[in-house]
């Protein structure tokens, strides 16, 4: 253990880092924590979701390059470092039955082999804490689910010199805590929805809550609430930097900032693995680590 605290956030596509845990990362950067985002794919098959940019011939022909530039801008806003894992976006299959995934895409990689690439990043950066998605991917995008799978393998594999030899993957390192991003949770959504209705304002969350009922989505266990309201504006700026993916006039930004900060000033996580003593609930991803750093 060294004195420097280090956080690694493993995400599937460029823009995921800005919509999931971005305020947390900006908060830790402000405290001197070394934060890195590992992006598994280039987002090459992502649709252009901003209606203002749809039909732009340059963007459609150069989506990979455009999304890399957007990631660069978001990285600068958040103050984090960022590296690519180098896999190709799998796309989000649609239809009934679902079409096969594209040959060579991230979701079709051998899990242990793909995890080896993340092991390299973990051993080089040496994070005490890693964040990623739960077994459902947060939502069932094949790249999000694959991100979960390889992160789980790499968390343990980073210290396994037999499976991932040091000569090839670098000196072993043991991360101490692994979290799932759970920022899109029902309690938060209900709280913001009810706050807007109580103030006589329109809520963008009514349809979300109906879908929750329709799909009977299981509640996750929220273990960690990181206070980071002072960095919500930074989060939104980083998200808007992903111009092809985010409509600046869309639902993401319809809840006034003062209401967000008052009603729900945290970002939430689910503790999955801990190799240090923990006392739940927490307010700090480094709880149990700081005293020994």
Protein backbone atom coordinates (compact mmCIF):
# COMPACT_ATOMS: atom_id res chain seq x y z
CA UNK A 1 0.00 0.00 0.00
CA UNK A 2 1.20 3.50 -0.83
CA UNK A 3 -0.07 6.87 0.40
CA UNK A 4 -1.72 7.64 -2.96
CA UNK A 5 -5.36 6.60 -3.27
CA UNK A 6 -6.33 5.35 -6.71
CA UNK A 7 -9.75 4.70 -8.25
CA UNK A 8 -10.39 2.83 -11.51
CA UNK A 9 -13.80 3.07 -13.22
CA UNK A 10 -14.37 0.40 -15.88
CA UNK A 11 -16.97 1.33 -18.50
CA UNK A 12 -18.28 -0.14 -21.73
CA UNK A 13 -18.47 2.91 -24.03
CA UNK A 14 -17.41 6.54 -24.19
CA UNK A 15 -20.17 8.54 -22.40
CA UNK A 16 -20.84 5.82 -19.79
CA UNK A 17 -18.24 7.39 -17.51
CA UNK A 18 -20.12 10.70 -17.60
CA UNK A 19 -23.57 9.23 -16.91
CA UNK A 20 -22.52 6.81 -14.16
CA UNK A 21 -20.46 8.02 -11.23
CA UNK A 22 -19.04 11.14 -12.87
CA UNK A 23 -19.69 13.46 -9.92
CA UNK A 24 -18.05 10.91 -7.62
CA UNK A 25 -14.94 10.84 -9.78
CA UNK A 26 -14.75 14.64 -9.97
CA UNK A 27 -15.09 14.83 -6.18
CA UNK A 28 -12.24 12.39 -5.62
CA UNK A 29 -10.05 14.19 -8.16
CA UNK A 30 -10.61 17.41 -6.19
CA UNK A 31 -9.35 15.58 -3.08
CA UNK A 32 -6.15 14.44 -4.76
CA UNK A 33 -7.22 10.90 -5.57
CA UNK A 34 -5.73 9.47 -8.78
CA UNK A 35 -8.69 8.46 -10.97
CA UNK A 36 -8.60 6.54 -14.24
CA UNK A 37 -11.40 5.53 -16.59
CA UNK A 38 -10.90 2.35 -18.62
CA UNK A 39 -13.21 2.31 -21.65
CA UNK A 40 -13.69 -1.17 -23.08
CA UNK A 41 -14.90 -0.22 -26.58
CA UNK A 42 -14.82 2.75 -28.91
CA UNK A 43 -18.60 3.04 -29.15
CA UNK A 44 -18.39 2.53 -32.90
CA UNK A 45 -21.88 1.07 -33.23
CA UNK A 46 -23.65 3.57 -31.02
CA UNK A 47 -26.51 5.48 -32.63
CA UNK A 48 -26.44 9.26 -32.87
CA UNK A 49 -29.01 10.07 -30.19
CA UNK A 50 -28.83 13.87 -30.32
CA UNK A 51 -31.54 14.93 -32.82
CA UNK A 52 -29.54 18.06 -33.64
CA UNK A 53 -26.72 15.92 -35.09
CA UNK A 54 -28.67 13.12 -36.72
CA UNK A 55 -28.09 12.87 -40.45
CA UNK A 56 -24.68 14.56 -40.28
CA UNK A 57 -22.68 12.79 -42.98
CA UNK A 58 -19.29 13.47 -41.39
CA UNK A 59 -20.35 12.08 -38.03
CA UNK A 60 -21.89 8.99 -39.59
CA UNK A 61 -18.73 8.32 -41.60
CA UNK A 62 -16.33 9.01 -38.74
CA UNK A 63 -18.25 7.99 -35.63
CA UNK A 64 -15.25 6.25 -34.05
CA UNK A 65 -13.05 9.33 -34.37
CA UNK A 66 -15.85 11.64 -33.23
CA UNK A 67 -16.54 9.62 -30.11
CA UNK A 68 -12.84 9.53 -29.20
CA UNK A 69 -12.71 13.32 -29.39
CA UNK A 70 -15.83 13.56 -27.24
CA UNK A 71 -14.17 11.27 -24.70
CA UNK A 72 -11.08 13.48 -24.66
CA UNK A 73 -13.21 16.52 -23.85
CA UNK A 74 -15.16 14.73 -21.11
CA UNK A 75 -11.93 13.43 -19.59
CA UNK A 76 -10.54 16.95 -19.36
CA UNK A 77 -13.72 18.23 -17.73
CA UNK A 78 -13.72 15.49 -15.09
CA UNK A 79 -9.98 15.77 -14.48
CA UNK A 80 -9.42 12.03 -14.83
CA UNK A 81 -7.02 10.03 -16.94
CA UNK A 82 -8.49 7.59 -19.45
CA UNK A 83 -7.35 4.56 -21.44
CA UNK A 84 -8.99 2.35 -24.06
CA UNK A 85 -9.13 -1.41 -23.71
CA UNK A 86 -9.32 -1.67 -27.49
CA UNK A 87 -12.38 -3.81 -28.18
CA UNK A 88 -15.06 -3.14 -30.81
CA UNK A 89 -18.56 -2.08 -29.80
CA UNK A 90 -21.12 -4.89 -30.06
CA UNK A 91 -24.09 -2.65 -30.76
CA UNK A 92 -27.50 -3.12 -29.14
CA UNK A 93 -29.36 -5.90 -30.98
CA UNK A 94 -33.03 -5.24 -31.67
CA UNK A 95 -35.82 -7.35 -33.09
CA UNK A 96 -37.66 -10.58 -32.39
CA UNK A 97 -35.81 -12.82 -32.64
CA UNK A 98 -32.68 -10.84 -31.85
CA UNK A 99 -30.06 -10.85 -34.61
CA UNK A 100 -26.64 -12.37 -33.92
CA UNK A 101 -23.94 -10.11 -32.56
CA UNK A 102 -21.32 -8.85 -35.06
CA UNK A 103 -18.31 -11.10 -35.53
CA UNK A 104 -15.29 -9.98 -33.51
CA UNK A 105 -17.22 -7.64 -31.22
CA UNK A 106 -16.48 -7.18 -27.53
CA UNK A 107 -19.37 -9.30 -26.23
CA UNK A 108 -18.17 -12.34 -28.22
CA UNK A 109 -14.62 -12.30 -26.86
CA UNK A 110 -13.32 -15.04 -24.61
CA UNK A 111 -13.91 -13.67 -21.11
CA UNK A 112 -10.58 -14.77 -19.60
CA UNK A 113 -8.62 -13.43 -22.58
CA UNK A 114 -10.42 -10.09 -22.57
CA UNK A 115 -10.02 -9.87 -18.79
CA UNK A 116 -6.27 -10.24 -19.30
CA UNK A 117 -6.22 -6.87 -21.05
CA UNK A 118 -7.88 -5.33 -18.01
CA UNK A 119 -5.45 -7.15 -15.71
CA UNK A 120 -2.64 -5.27 -17.49
CA UNK A 121 -4.35 -1.95 -16.71
CA UNK A 122 -5.00 -2.88 -13.08
CA UNK A 123 -1.43 -4.02 -12.46
CA UNK A 124 -0.03 -0.89 -14.10
CA UNK A 125 -2.33 1.59 -12.29
CA UNK A 126 -2.67 -0.32 -8.97
CA UNK A 127 -6.11 0.89 -7.85
CA UNK A 128 -7.38 0.15 -4.39
CA UNK A 129 -10.97 0.61 -5.60
CA UNK A 130 -12.63 -0.44 -8.86
CA UNK A 131 -16.15 0.45 -10.03
CA UNK A 132 -18.12 -1.26 -12.80
CA UNK A 133 -21.61 -2.63 -13.58
CA UNK A 134 -23.63 -5.38 -11.91
CA UNK A 135 -24.34 -8.76 -13.53
CA UNK A 136 -27.21 -7.23 -15.51
CA UNK A 137 -24.94 -4.54 -16.90
CA UNK A 138 -27.07 -1.84 -15.25
CA UNK A 139 -29.25 -2.48 -18.28
CA UNK A 140 -28.92 -5.49 -20.58
CA UNK A 141 -26.58 -4.13 -23.25
CA UNK A 142 -24.21 -6.95 -24.26
CA UNK A 143 -21.15 -4.71 -23.79
CA UNK A 144 -22.23 -3.72 -20.29
CA UNK A 145 -22.72 -7.34 -19.32
CA UNK A 146 -19.34 -8.25 -20.80
CA UNK A 147 -17.75 -5.35 -18.91
CA UNK A 148 -19.10 -6.83 -15.69
CA UNK A 149 -17.77 -10.27 -16.56
CA UNK A 150 -14.22 -9.23 -17.37
CA UNK A 151 -14.00 -6.88 -14.38
CA UNK A 152 -14.98 -9.66 -11.99
CA UNK A 153 -12.34 -11.95 -13.49
CA UNK A 154 -9.69 -9.20 -13.57
CA UNK A 155 -10.28 -8.17 -9.94
CA UNK A 156 -9.12 -11.62 -8.83
CA UNK A 157 -6.83 -12.22 -11.80
CA UNK A 158 -4.71 -9.16 -11.05
CA UNK A 159 -3.18 -11.09 -8.16
CA UNK A 160 -3.02 -14.46 -9.95
CA UNK A 161 0.52 -14.88 -11.30
CA UNK A 162 -0.26 -18.34 -12.66
CA UNK A 163 -3.25 -17.45 -14.82
CA UNK A 164 -1.76 -14.09 -15.78
CA UNK A 165 2.06 -14.42 -15.52
CA UNK A 166 3.97 -11.38 -14.30
CA UNK A 167 6.39 -11.62 -17.19
CA UNK A 168 3.52 -10.87 -19.59
CA UNK A 169 1.02 -8.90 -17.53
CA UNK A 170 3.23 -7.05 -15.02
CA UNK A 171 3.71 -7.39 -11.26
CA UNK A 172 0.66 -8.61 -9.37
CA UNK A 173 -1.60 -6.19 -7.55
CA UNK A 174 -4.56 -6.78 -5.23
CA UNK A 175 -7.45 -4.31 -5.46
CA UNK A 176 -9.27 -4.06 -2.16
CA UNK A 177 -12.85 -3.08 -3.03
CA UNK A 178 -15.16 -3.55 -6.03
CA UNK A 179 -18.39 -1.60 -6.48
CA UNK A 180 -21.30 -1.66 -8.90
CA UNK A 181 -22.60 1.69 -10.13
CA UNK A 182 -26.24 2.00 -9.02
CA UNK A 183 -26.99 5.64 -9.74
CA UNK A 184 -30.14 4.73 -11.67
CA UNK A 185 -32.01 3.38 -8.68
CA UNK A 186 -35.68 3.45 -7.78
CA UNK A 187 -35.43 5.35 -4.46
CA UNK A 188 -33.61 8.23 -6.16
CA UNK A 189 -36.05 8.26 -9.07
CA UNK A 190 -39.09 8.25 -6.75
CA UNK A 191 -37.63 11.01 -4.58
CA UNK A 192 -36.96 13.32 -7.51
CA UNK A 193 -40.31 12.49 -9.14
CA UNK A 194 -42.26 13.26 -5.97
CA UNK A 195 -40.28 16.45 -5.33
CA UNK A 196 -41.14 17.76 -8.78
CA UNK A 197 -44.82 16.87 -8.48
CA UNK A 198 -45.01 18.47 -5.02
CA UNK A 199 -43.68 21.70 -6.53
CA UNK A 200 -46.25 21.63 -9.32
CA UNK A 201 -43.63 20.81 -11.93
CA UNK A 202 -43.63 18.22 -14.71
CA UNK A 203 -41.57 15.11 -13.96
CA UNK A 204 -39.60 13.20 -16.62
CA UNK A 205 -39.67 10.09 -14.43
CA UNK A 206 -43.31 9.00 -14.62
CA UNK A 207 -42.71 6.69 -17.57
CA UNK A 208 -39.54 5.28 -15.96
CA UNK A 209 -41.47 4.33 -12.84
CA UNK A 210 -44.21 2.67 -14.88
CA UNK A 211 -41.59 0.61 -16.70
CA UNK A 212 -40.14 -0.42 -13.34
CA UNK A 213 -43.55 -1.85 -12.44
CA UNK A 214 -44.03 -3.45 -15.85
CA UNK A 215 -40.73 -5.30 -15.80
CA UNK A 216 -40.81 -5.94 -12.05
CA UNK A 217 -37.18 -4.92 -11.88
CA UNK A 218 -35.53 -6.30 -8.76
CA UNK A 219 -34.30 -3.74 -6.25
CA UNK A 220 -30.55 -3.63 -5.76
CA UNK A 221 -28.84 -3.28 -2.39
CA UNK A 222 -27.49 0.25 -2.10
CA UNK A 223 -24.56 0.17 0.30
CA UNK A 224 -22.66 3.37 -0.41
CA UNK A 225 -23.93 6.94 -0.81
CA UNK A 226 -21.17 9.32 -1.89
CA UNK A 227 -21.99 13.01 -1.20
CA UNK A 228 -21.02 14.80 -4.40
CA UNK A 229 -23.69 17.45 -5.13
CA UNK A 230 -21.01 20.12 -5.54
CA UNK A 231 -19.87 18.27 -8.65
CA UNK A 232 -23.24 17.74 -10.38
CA UNK A 233 -22.53 20.65 -12.74
CA UNK A 234 -19.18 19.08 -13.66
CA UNK A 235 -20.97 15.80 -14.32
CA UNK A 236 -23.45 17.49 -16.64
CA UNK A 237 -20.73 19.34 -18.55
CA UNK A 238 -18.89 16.06 -19.12
CA UNK A 239 -22.08 14.40 -20.28
CA UNK A 240 -22.90 17.19 -22.72
CA UNK A 241 -19.38 16.81 -24.16
CA UNK A 242 -20.63 13.52 -25.63
CA UNK A 243 -22.65 15.48 -28.17
CA UNK A 244 -23.56 12.57 -30.41
CA UNK A 245 -25.09 10.67 -27.49
CA UNK A 246 -26.76 13.35 -25.39
CA UNK A 247 -29.48 15.84 -26.26
CA UNK A 248 -28.71 18.95 -24.17
CA UNK A 249 -32.45 19.70 -24.18
CA UNK A 250 -33.41 16.15 -23.24
CA UNK A 251 -34.68 14.44 -20.12
CA UNK A 252 -31.25 14.16 -18.50
CA UNK A 253 -31.34 17.87 -17.70
CA UNK A 254 -35.00 18.57 -16.89
CA UNK A 255 -34.68 18.47 -13.11
CA UNK A 256 -33.46 21.86 -11.85
CA UNK A 257 -30.02 21.63 -10.29
CA UNK A 258 -31.13 23.12 -6.97
CA UNK A 259 -33.77 20.39 -6.61
CA UNK A 260 -31.27 17.65 -7.41
CA UNK A 261 -28.86 18.96 -4.79
CA UNK A 262 -31.54 19.36 -2.14
CA UNK A 263 -33.44 16.11 -2.68
CA UNK A 264 -30.72 13.63 -3.64
CA UNK A 265 -27.16 14.95 -3.19
CA UNK A 266 -25.36 11.60 -3.57
CA UNK A 267 -24.34 8.96 -6.09
CA UNK A 268 -25.00 5.37 -5.11
CA UNK A 269 -23.04 2.14 -5.29
CA UNK A 270 -23.40 -1.50 -4.36
CA UNK A 271 -20.38 -3.02 -2.64
CA UNK A 272 -19.61 -6.34 -4.34
CA UNK A 273 -16.20 -7.30 -2.97
CA UNK A 274 -14.26 -6.01 0.03
CA UNK A 275 -10.93 -7.26 1.35
CA UNK A 276 -10.92 -4.68 4.15
CA UNK A 277 -13.29 -4.29 7.12
CA UNK A 278 -16.49 -2.48 6.16
CA UNK A 279 -19.37 -0.92 8.05
CA UNK A 280 -22.45 -0.35 5.91
CA UNK A 281 -23.87 1.95 4.78
CA UNK A 282 -20.83 3.99 3.69
CA UNK A 283 -20.25 7.48 2.36
CA UNK A 284 -16.79 6.83 0.93
CA UNK A 285 -15.56 4.30 -1.64
CA UNK A 286 -12.27 4.27 0.27
CA UNK A 287 -13.85 3.51 3.65
CA UNK A 288 -11.64 0.95 5.41
CA UNK A 289 -8.71 1.86 3.14
CA UNK A 290 -7.82 5.44 4.07
CA UNK A 291 -6.69 4.54 7.60
CA UNK A 292 -4.21 2.04 6.20
CA UNK A 293 -3.00 4.10 3.25
